[in-house]
Each structure stands twice: as structure tokens, then as C-alpha cells.
Amino acid sequence: MRSCSGMNILMIEFNLDDIPAKRGITKYRLARDTNIAHTRLWKLETGKAQRVGFDVLEKLCVRLDCELIDFLFVHREGKPAKKGARAK
């Protein structure tokens, strides 16, 4: 974890490449079907989004028929999380 003024910061990564591709959905189609701006999806993937609402996460999960853990990853202490790994 990185420290910023005494606060621990976790790096959160969105990977919206694999799941839509496996389902034959383009990012443009995902944006249209979920009513989420294409630029918003781009910001999530590139790490430029400052925040994301639960409504956006819910729309993505419903449209892609998946769970958050399938496309949302937390990097701890500078180590990338294992993609697709579920906590037990």
C-alpha cells in the first residue's frame, strides 16, 4: 500500500476486456445497453475515474451476468491481485 498523508491507498483496477469479449459484446454495445457513457467505461479501465457509483457497478454486473470480483481487482502492497481469484 502506498501512504498519502498517513492514509493507506489501495489501487483498484477494472478489467472490462475479457468478460464482454467472451460474451461477444463490444464496449460500445456495453455502453449502449447499460446507459453508461463510453467515456465513463474508458475512465474506469484506465484508472482515471475518481469514483464509481453502485448503480454503475450493478448495471455492469446485470448486463454481463457476472459478479464484481470478475472485473474489479484490488492491488495490495504493490502486488496485483490474481484475476478471477475469489476470497474463501
PDB file of N, CA and C in Angstrom:
ATOM      1  N   MET A   1       0.832  -1.171   0.000  1.00  0.00           N
ATOM      2  CA  MET A   1       0.000   0.000   0.000  1.00  0.00           C
ATOM      3  C   MET A   1       0.875   1.233   0.000  1.00  0.00           C
ATOM      4  N   ARG A   2       0.397   2.235  -0.652  1.00  0.00           N
ATOM      5  CA  ARG A   2       1.110   3.492  -0.637  1.00  0.00           C
ATOM      6  C   ARG A   2       0.512   4.385   0.428  1.00  0.00           C
ATOM      7  N   SER A   3       1.331   5.196   1.012  1.00  0.00           N
ATOM      8  CA  SER A   3       0.870   6.093   2.051  1.00  0.00           C
ATOM      9  C   SER A   3       0.783   7.498   1.498  1.00  0.00           C
ATOM     10  N   CYS A   4      -0.292   8.165   1.801  1.00  0.00           N
ATOM     11  CA  CYS A   4      -0.500   9.540   1.368  1.00  0.00           C
ATOM     12  C   CYS A   4      -1.047  10.310   2.571  1.00  0.00           C
ATOM     13  N   SER A   5      -0.229  11.114   3.177  1.00  0.00           N
ATOM     14  CA  SER A   5      -0.624  11.865   4.368  1.00  0.00           C
ATOM     15  C   SER A   5      -1.152  10.936   5.451  1.00  0.00           C
ATOM     16  N   GLY A   6      -0.503   9.811   5.644  1.00  0.00           N
ATOM     17  CA  GLY A   6      -0.901   8.884   6.692  1.00  0.00           C
ATOM     18  C   GLY A   6      -2.029   7.947   6.315  1.00  0.00           C
ATOM     19  N   MET A   7      -2.562   8.085   5.101  1.00  0.00           N
ATOM     20  CA  MET A   7      -3.663   7.220   4.666  1.00  0.00           C
ATOM     21  C   MET A   7      -3.115   6.113   3.775  1.00  0.00           C
ATOM     22  N   ASN A   8      -3.641   4.927   3.951  1.00  0.00           N
ATOM     23  CA  ASN A   8      -3.280   3.831   3.060  1.00  0.00           C
ATOM     24  C   ASN A   8      -4.173   3.884   1.829  1.00  0.00           C
ATOM     25  N   ILE A   9      -3.568   3.765   0.670  1.00  0.00           N
ATOM     26  CA  ILE A   9      -4.323   3.830  -0.575  1.00  0.00           C
ATOM     27  C   ILE A   9      -4.207   2.488  -1.283  1.00  0.00           C
ATOM     28  N   LEU A  10      -5.338   1.911  -1.626  1.00  0.00           N
ATOM     29  CA  LEU A  10      -5.364   0.685  -2.405  1.00  0.00           C
ATOM     30  C   LEU A  10      -5.598   1.059  -3.862  1.00  0.00           C
ATOM     31  N   MET A  11      -4.924   0.375  -4.735  1.00  0.00           N
ATOM     32  CA  MET A  11      -5.124   0.606  -6.154  1.00  0.00           C
ATOM     33  C   MET A  11      -6.212  -0.351  -6.641  1.00  0.00           C
ATOM     34  N   ILE A  12      -7.238   0.187  -7.236  1.00  0.00           N
ATOM     35  CA  ILE A  12      -8.342  -0.617  -7.739  1.00  0.00           C
ATOM     36  C   ILE A  12      -8.286  -0.611  -9.256  1.00  0.00           C
ATOM     37  N   GLU A  13      -8.416  -1.773  -9.854  1.00  0.00           N
ATOM     38  CA  GLU A  13      -8.335  -1.925 -11.304  1.00  0.00           C
ATOM     39  C   GLU A  13      -9.619  -2.553 -11.834  1.00  0.00           C
ATOM     40  N   PHE A  14     -10.106  -1.982 -12.916  1.00  0.00           N
ATOM     41  CA  PHE A  14     -11.242  -2.551 -13.636  1.00  0.00           C
ATOM     42  C   PHE A  14     -10.699  -3.229 -14.879  1.00  0.00           C
ATOM     43  N   ASN A  15     -11.133  -4.446 -15.141  1.00  0.00           N
ATOM     44  CA  ASN A  15     -10.754  -5.129 -16.370  1.00  0.00           C
ATOM     45  C   ASN A  15     -12.035  -5.483 -17.108  1.00  0.00           C
ATOM     46  N   LEU A  16     -12.398  -4.614 -18.030  1.00  0.00           N
ATOM     47  CA  LEU A  16     -13.623  -4.834 -18.796  1.00  0.00           C
ATOM     48  C   LEU A  16     -13.313  -5.295 -20.210  1.00  0.00           C
ATOM     49  N   ASP A  17     -12.222  -6.035 -20.381  1.00  0.00           N
ATOM     50  CA  ASP A  17     -11.876  -6.575 -21.690  1.00  0.00           C
ATOM     51  C   ASP A  17     -12.372  -8.009 -21.853  1.00  0.00           C
ATOM     52  N   ASP A  18     -12.054  -8.852 -20.896  1.00  0.00           N
ATOM     53  CA  ASP A  18     -12.297 -10.290 -21.025  1.00  0.00           C
ATOM     54  C   ASP A  18     -13.773 -10.676 -21.034  1.00  0.00           C
ATOM     55  N   ILE A  19     -14.518 -10.207 -20.062  1.00  0.00           N
ATOM     56  CA  ILE A  19     -15.911 -10.660 -19.916  1.00  0.00           C
ATOM     57  C   ILE A  19     -16.772 -10.266 -21.115  1.00  0.00           C
ATOM     58  N   PRO A  20     -16.772  -8.993 -21.531  1.00  0.00           N
ATOM     59  CA  PRO A  20     -17.573  -8.662 -22.720  1.00  0.00           C
ATOM     60  C   PRO A  20     -17.124  -9.426 -23.959  1.00  0.00           C
ATOM     61  N   ALA A  21     -15.815  -9.601 -24.123  1.00  0.00           N
ATOM     62  CA  ALA A  21     -15.300 -10.318 -25.294  1.00  0.00           C
ATOM     63  C   ALA A  21     -15.799 -11.760 -25.308  1.00  0.00           C
ATOM     64  N   LYS A  22     -15.806 -12.402 -24.146  1.00  0.00           N
ATOM     65  CA  LYS A  22     -16.287 -13.788 -24.064  1.00  0.00           C
ATOM     66  C   LYS A  22     -17.770 -13.891 -24.411  1.00  0.00           C
ATOM     67  N   ARG A  23     -18.489 -12.814 -24.196  1.00  0.00           N
ATOM     68  CA  ARG A  23     -19.927 -12.813 -24.471  1.00  0.00           C
ATOM     69  C   ARG A  23     -20.261 -12.169 -25.820  1.00  0.00           C
ATOM     70  N   GLY A  24     -19.223 -11.784 -26.564  1.00  0.00           N
ATOM     71  CA  GLY A  24     -19.432 -11.193 -27.882  1.00  0.00           C
ATOM     72  C   GLY A  24     -20.009  -9.790 -27.822  1.00  0.00           C
ATOM     73  N   ILE A  25     -19.686  -9.052 -26.755  1.00  0.00           N
ATOM     74  CA  ILE A  25     -20.213  -7.704 -26.568  1.00  0.00           C
ATOM     75  C   ILE A  25     -19.071  -6.701 -26.723  1.00  0.00           C
ATOM     76  N   THR A  26     -19.256  -5.724 -27.590  1.00  0.00           N
ATOM     77  CA  THR A  26     -18.255  -4.669 -27.729  1.00  0.00           C
ATOM     78  C   THR A  26     -18.448  -3.652 -26.611  1.00  0.00           C
ATOM     79  N   LYS A  27     -17.434  -2.835 -26.378  1.00  0.00           N
ATOM     80  CA  LYS A  27     -17.561  -1.800 -25.349  1.00  0.00           C
ATOM     81  C   LYS A  27     -18.631  -0.786 -25.732  1.00  0.00           C
ATOM     82  N   TYR A  28     -18.744  -0.535 -27.024  1.00  0.00           N
ATOM     83  CA  TYR A  28     -19.792   0.376 -27.495  1.00  0.00           C
ATOM     84  C   TYR A  28     -21.167  -0.198 -27.148  1.00  0.00           C
ATOM     85  N   ARG A  29     -21.355  -1.481 -27.409  1.00  0.00           N
ATOM     86  CA  ARG A  29     -22.636  -2.131 -27.106  1.00  0.00           C
ATOM     87  C   ARG A  29     -22.896  -2.159 -25.599  1.00  0.00           C
ATOM     88  N   LEU A  30     -21.852  -2.420 -24.822  1.00  0.00           N
ATOM     89  CA  LEU A  30     -21.979  -2.420 -23.368  1.00  0.00           C
ATOM     90  C   LEU A  30     -22.430  -1.046 -22.877  1.00  0.00           C
ATOM     91  N   ALA A  31     -21.842  -0.007 -23.429  1.00  0.00           N
ATOM     92  CA  ALA A  31     -22.222   1.356 -23.050  1.00  0.00           C
ATOM     93  C   ALA A  31     -23.685   1.628 -23.403  1.00  0.00           C
ATOM     94  N   ARG A  32     -24.095   1.223 -24.586  1.00  0.00           N
ATOM     95  CA  ARG A  32     -25.491   1.443 -25.015  1.00  0.00           C
ATOM     96  C   ARG A  32     -26.470   0.648 -24.177  1.00  0.00           C
ATOM     97  N   ASP A  33     -26.171  -0.625 -23.945  1.00  0.00           N
ATOM     98  CA  ASP A  33     -27.089  -1.494 -23.206  1.00  0.00           C
ATOM     99  C   ASP A  33     -27.252  -1.088 -21.747  1.00  0.00           C
ATOM    100  N   THR A  34     -26.205  -0.512 -21.161  1.00  0.00           N
ATOM    101  CA  THR A  34     -26.237  -0.151 -19.744  1.00  0.00           C
ATOM    102  C   THR A  34     -26.534   1.321 -19.516  1.00  0.00           C
ATOM    103  N   ASN A  35     -26.559   2.098 -20.592  1.00  0.00           N
ATOM    104  CA  ASN A  35     -26.747   3.543 -20.495  1.00  0.00           C
ATOM    105  C   ASN A  35     -25.617   4.186 -19.678  1.00  0.00           C
ATOM    106  N   ILE A  36     -24.421   3.624 -19.808  1.00  0.00           N
ATOM    107  CA  ILE A  36     -23.217   4.182 -19.191  1.00  0.00           C
ATOM    108  C   ILE A  36     -22.401   4.775 -20.329  1.00  0.00           C
ATOM    109  N   ALA A  37     -21.982   6.020 -20.181  1.00  0.00           N
ATOM    110  CA  ALA A  37     -21.217   6.690 -21.235  1.00  0.00           C
ATOM    111  C   ALA A  37     -19.941   5.905 -21.545  1.00  0.00           C
ATOM    112  N   HIS A  38     -19.631   5.797 -22.825  1.00  0.00           N
ATOM    113  CA  HIS A  38     -18.419   5.096 -23.260  1.00  0.00           C
ATOM    114  C   HIS A  38     -17.190   5.702 -22.595  1.00  0.00           C
ATOM    115  N   THR A  39     -17.185   7.027 -22.444  1.00  0.00           N
ATOM    116  CA  THR A  39     -16.053   7.689 -21.799  1.00  0.00           C
ATOM    117  C   THR A  39     -15.949   7.286 -20.329  1.00  0.00           C
ATOM    118  N   ARG A  40     -17.072   7.015 -19.696  1.00  0.00           N
ATOM    119  CA  ARG A  40     -17.074   6.571 -18.299  1.00  0.00           C
ATOM    120  C   ARG A  40     -16.425   5.193 -18.190  1.00  0.00           C
ATOM    121  N   LEU A  41     -16.776   4.299 -19.094  1.00  0.00           N
ATOM    122  CA  LEU A  41     -16.158   2.971 -19.112  1.00  0.00           C
ATOM    123  C   LEU A  41     -14.657   3.080 -19.359  1.00  0.00           C
ATOM    124  N   TRP A  42     -14.256   3.970 -20.270  1.00  0.00           N
ATOM    125  CA  TRP A  42     -12.843   4.176 -20.557  1.00  0.00           C
ATOM    126  C   TRP A  42     -12.105   4.681 -19.308  1.00  0.00           C
ATOM    127  N   LYS A  43     -12.710   5.636 -18.599  1.00  0.00           N
ATOM    128  CA  LYS A  43     -12.088   6.169 -17.384  1.00  0.00           C
ATOM    129  C   LYS A  43     -11.937   5.088 -16.314  1.00  0.00           C
ATOM    130  N   LEU A  44     -12.920   4.212 -16.201  1.00  0.00           N
ATOM    131  CA  LEU A  44     -12.829   3.122 -15.224  1.00  0.00           C
ATOM    132  C   LEU A  44     -11.655   2.212 -15.557  1.00  0.00           C
ATOM    133  N   GLU A  45     -11.534   1.865 -16.817  1.00  0.00           N
ATOM    134  CA  GLU A  45     -10.462   0.944 -17.234  1.00  0.00           C
ATOM    135  C   GLU A  45      -9.074   1.542 -17.143  1.00  0.00           C
ATOM    136  N   THR A  46      -8.960   2.827 -17.405  1.00  0.00           N
ATOM    137  CA  THR A  46      -7.646   3.457 -17.404  1.00  0.00           C
ATOM    138  C   THR A  46      -7.247   3.984 -16.029  1.00  0.00           C
ATOM    139  N   GLY A  47      -8.145   3.863 -15.061  1.00  0.00           N
ATOM    140  CA  GLY A  47      -7.838   4.329 -13.709  1.00  0.00           C
ATOM    141  C   GLY A  47      -7.992   5.828 -13.540  1.00  0.00           C
ATOM    142  N   LYS A  48      -8.643   6.477 -14.476  1.00  0.00           N
ATOM    143  CA  LYS A  48      -8.807   7.920 -14.410  1.00  0.00           C
ATOM    144  C   LYS A  48     -10.102   8.337 -13.711  1.00  0.00           C
ATOM    145  N   ALA A  49     -10.966   7.390 -13.405  1.00  0.00           N
ATOM    146  CA  ALA A  49     -12.219   7.703 -12.713  1.00  0.00           C
ATOM    147  C   ALA A  49     -11.928   8.014 -11.253  1.00  0.00           C
ATOM    148  N   GLN A  50     -12.521   9.060 -10.761  1.00  0.00           N
ATOM    149  CA  GLN A  50     -12.334   9.446  -9.367  1.00  0.00           C
ATOM    150  C   GLN A  50     -13.222   8.616  -8.442  1.00  0.00           C
ATOM    151  N   ARG A  51     -14.383   8.246  -8.931  1.00  0.00           N
ATOM    152  CA  ARG A  51     -15.321   7.440  -8.132  1.00  0.00           C
ATOM    153  C   ARG A  51     -16.265   6.705  -9.073  1.00  0.00           C
ATOM    154  N   VAL A  52     -16.902   5.702  -8.528  1.00  0.00           N
ATOM    155  CA  VAL A  52     -17.877   4.945  -9.314  1.00  0.00           C
ATOM    156  C   VAL A  52     -19.057   4.629  -8.402  1.00  0.00           C
ATOM    157  N   GLY A  53     -20.237   4.808  -8.927  1.00  0.00           N
ATOM    158  CA  GLY A  53     -21.442   4.571  -8.138  1.00  0.00           C
ATOM    159  C   GLY A  53     -21.863   3.110  -8.169  1.00  0.00           C
ATOM    160  N   PHE A  54     -22.608   2.737  -7.142  1.00  0.00           N
ATOM    161  CA  PHE A  54     -23.135   1.376  -7.085  1.00  0.00           C
ATOM    162  C   PHE A  54     -24.063   1.093  -8.258  1.00  0.00           C
ATOM    163  N   ASP A  55     -24.752   2.120  -8.748  1.00  0.00           N
ATOM    164  CA  ASP A  55     -25.648   1.921  -9.884  1.00  0.00           C
ATOM    165  C   ASP A  55     -24.868   1.492 -11.128  1.00  0.00           C
ATOM    166  N   VAL A  56     -23.688   2.061 -11.331  1.00  0.00           N
ATOM    167  CA  VAL A  56     -22.846   1.690 -12.472  1.00  0.00           C
ATOM    168  C   VAL A  56     -22.374   0.249 -12.323  1.00  0.00           C
ATOM    169  N   LEU A  57     -21.905  -0.099 -11.122  1.00  0.00           N
ATOM    170  CA  LEU A  57     -21.441  -1.466 -10.879  1.00  0.00           C
ATOM    171  C   LEU A  57     -22.578  -2.465 -11.080  1.00  0.00           C
ATOM    172  N   GLU A  58     -23.763  -2.114 -10.598  1.00  0.00           N
ATOM    173  CA  GLU A  58     -24.913  -3.004 -10.750  1.00  0.00           C
ATOM    174  C   GLU A  58     -25.278  -3.199 -12.222  1.00  0.00           C
ATOM    175  N   LYS A  59     -25.284  -2.121 -12.994  1.00  0.00           N
ATOM    176  CA  LYS A  59     -25.601  -2.218 -14.427  1.00  0.00           C
ATOM    177  C   LYS A  59     -24.618  -3.134 -15.150  1.00  0.00           C
ATOM    178  N   LEU A  60     -23.336  -2.990 -14.818  1.00  0.00           N
ATOM    179  CA  LEU A  60     -22.321  -3.829 -15.454  1.00  0.00           C
ATOM    180  C   LEU A  60     -22.524  -5.296 -15.086  1.00  0.00           C
ATOM    181  N   CYS A  61     -22.769  -5.569 -13.820  1.00  0.00           N
ATOM    182  CA  CYS A  61     -22.968  -6.957 -13.366  1.00  0.00           C
ATOM    183  C   CYS A  61     -24.201  -7.580 -14.016  1.00  0.00           C
ATOM    184  N   VAL A  62     -25.284  -6.823 -14.089  1.00  0.00           N
ATOM    185  CA  VAL A  62     -26.520  -7.349 -14.672  1.00  0.00           C
ATOM    186  C   VAL A  62     -26.331  -7.623 -16.162  1.00  0.00           C
ATOM    187  N   ARG A  63     -25.768  -6.659 -16.885  1.00  0.00           N
ATOM    188  CA  ARG A  63     -25.618  -6.830 -18.339  1.00  0.00           C
ATOM    189  C   ARG A  63     -24.633  -7.931 -18.690  1.00  0.00           C
ATOM    190  N   LEU A  64     -23.543  -8.045 -17.904  1.00  0.00           N
ATOM    191  CA  LEU A  64     -22.527  -9.044 -18.199  1.00  0.00           C
ATOM    192  C   LEU A  64     -22.790 -10.371 -17.503  1.00  0.00           C
ATOM    193  N   ASP A  65     -23.837 -10.423 -16.700  1.00  0.00           N
ATOM    194  CA  ASP A  65     -24.201 -11.636 -15.957  1.00  0.00           C
ATOM    195  C   ASP A  65     -22.981 -12.171 -15.197  1.00  0.00           C
ATOM    196  N   CYS A  66     -22.438 -11.302 -14.343  1.00  0.00           N
ATOM    197  CA  CYS A  66     -21.241 -11.668 -13.598  1.00  0.00           C
ATOM    198  C   CYS A  66     -21.266 -11.020 -12.215  1.00  0.00           C
ATOM    199  N   GLU A  67     -20.212 -11.228 -11.468  1.00  0.00           N
ATOM    200  CA  GLU A  67     -20.054 -10.639 -10.138  1.00  0.00           C
ATOM    201  C   GLU A  67     -18.947  -9.583 -10.205  1.00  0.00           C
ATOM    202  N   LEU A  68     -18.921  -8.694  -9.233  1.00  0.00           N
ATOM    203  CA  LEU A  68     -17.884  -7.659  -9.196  1.00  0.00           C
ATOM    204  C   LEU A  68     -16.480  -8.247  -9.254  1.00  0.00           C
ATOM    205  N   ILE A  69     -16.289  -9.335  -8.561  1.00  0.00           N
ATOM    206  CA  ILE A  69     -14.964  -9.958  -8.488  1.00  0.00           C
ATOM    207  C   ILE A  69     -14.460 -10.417  -9.863  1.00  0.00           C
ATOM    208  N   ASP A  70     -15.353 -10.513 -10.820  1.00  0.00           N
ATOM    209  CA  ASP A  70     -14.954 -10.936 -12.160  1.00  0.00           C
ATOM    210  C   ASP A  70     -14.250  -9.830 -12.949  1.00  0.00           C
ATOM    211  N   PHE A  71     -14.478  -8.563 -12.592  1.00  0.00           N
ATOM    212  CA  PHE A  71     -13.834  -7.478 -13.342  1.00  0.00           C
ATOM    213  C   PHE A  71     -13.235  -6.376 -12.468  1.00  0.00           C
ATOM    214  N   LEU A  72     -13.366  -6.482 -11.164  1.00  0.00           N
ATOM    215  CA  LEU A  72     -12.846  -5.482 -10.248  1.00  0.00           C
ATOM    216  C   LEU A  72     -11.772  -6.113  -9.383  1.00  0.00           C
ATOM    217  N   PHE A  73     -10.568  -5.554  -9.404  1.00  0.00           N
ATOM    218  CA  PHE A  73      -9.437  -6.137  -8.692  1.00  0.00           C
ATOM    219  C   PHE A  73      -8.771  -5.101  -7.806  1.00  0.00           C
ATOM    220  N   VAL A  74      -8.319  -5.524  -6.637  1.00  0.00           N
ATOM    221  CA  VAL A  74      -7.644  -4.638  -5.699  1.00  0.00           C
ATOM    222  C   VAL A  74      -6.181  -5.060  -5.608  1.00  0.00           C
ATOM    223  N   HIS A  75      -5.292  -4.112  -5.803  1.00  0.00           N
ATOM    224  CA  HIS A  75      -3.859  -4.353  -5.676  1.00  0.00           C
ATOM    225  C   HIS A  75      -3.453  -3.965  -4.258  1.00  0.00           C
ATOM    226  N   ARG A  76      -2.881  -4.886  -3.540  1.00  0.00           N
ATOM    227  CA  ARG A  76      -2.438  -4.622  -2.174  1.00  0.00           C
ATOM    228  C   ARG A  76      -0.921  -4.633  -2.120  1.00  0.00           C
ATOM    229  N   GLU A  77      -0.372  -3.647  -1.430  1.00  0.00           N
ATOM    230  CA  GLU A  77       1.069  -3.550  -1.216  1.00  0.00           C
ATOM    231  C   GLU A  77       1.860  -3.663  -2.512  1.00  0.00           C
ATOM    232  N   GLY A  78       1.339  -3.052  -3.571  1.00  0.00           N
ATOM    233  CA  GLY A  78       2.044  -3.031  -4.839  1.00  0.00           C
ATOM    234  C   GLY A  78       1.964  -4.309  -5.631  1.00  0.00           C
ATOM    235  N   LYS A  79       1.251  -5.334  -5.114  1.00  0.00           N
ATOM    236  CA  LYS A  79       1.132  -6.602  -5.828  1.00  0.00           C
ATOM    237  C   LYS A  79      -0.238  -6.675  -6.491  1.00  0.00           C
ATOM    238  N   PRO A  80      -0.282  -6.988  -7.765  1.00  0.00           N
ATOM    239  CA  PRO A  80      -1.592  -7.122  -8.421  1.00  0.00           C
ATOM    240  C   PRO A  80      -2.335  -8.337  -7.866  1.00  0.00           C
ATOM    241  N   ALA A  81      -3.645  -8.184  -7.713  1.00  0.00           N
ATOM    242  CA  ALA A  81      -4.476  -9.291  -7.264  1.00  0.00           C
ATOM    243  C   ALA A  81      -4.571 -10.324  -8.368  1.00  0.00           C
ATOM    244  N   LYS A  82      -4.759 -11.554  -8.000  1.00  0.00           N
ATOM    245  CA  LYS A  82      -4.951 -12.609  -9.003  1.00  0.00           C
ATOM    246  C   LYS A  82      -6.305 -12.407  -9.644  1.00  0.00           C
ATOM    247  N   LYS A  83      -6.312 -12.296 -10.933  1.00  0.00           N
ATOM    248  CA  LYS A  83      -7.565 -12.073 -11.641  1.00  0.00           C
ATOM    249  C   LYS A  83      -8.424 -13.309 -11.592  1.00  0.00           C
ATOM    250  N   GLY A  84      -9.671 -13.086 -11.211  1.00  0.00           N
ATOM    251  CA  GLY A  84     -10.622 -14.183 -11.144  1.00  0.00           C
ATOM    252  C   GLY A  84     -10.530 -14.985  -9.858  1.00  0.00           C
ATOM    253  N   ALA A  85      -9.613 -14.622  -8.977  1.00  0.00           N
ATOM    254  CA  ALA A  85      -9.483 -15.354  -7.701  1.00  0.00           C
ATOM    255  C   ALA A  85     -10.554 -14.879  -6.742  1.00  0.00           C
ATOM    256  N   ARG A  86     -11.174 -15.789  -6.085  1.00  0.00           N
ATOM    257  CA  ARG A  86     -12.228 -15.454  -5.129  1.00  0.00           C
ATOM    258  C   ARG A  86     -11.717 -15.690  -3.723  1.00  0.00           C
ATOM    259  N   ALA A  87     -12.120 -14.815  -2.830  1.00  0.00           N
ATOM    260  CA  ALA A  87     -11.735 -14.980  -1.419  1.00  0.00           C
ATOM    261  C   ALA A  87     -12.508 -16.141  -0.834  1.00  0.00           C
ATOM    262  N   LYS A  88     -11.877 -16.894   0.061  1.00  0.00           N
ATOM    263  CA  LYS A  88     -12.540 -18.031   0.670  1.00  0.00           C
ATOM    264  C   LYS A  88     -12.847 -17.759   2.100  1.00  0.00           C
TER     265      LYS A  88
END
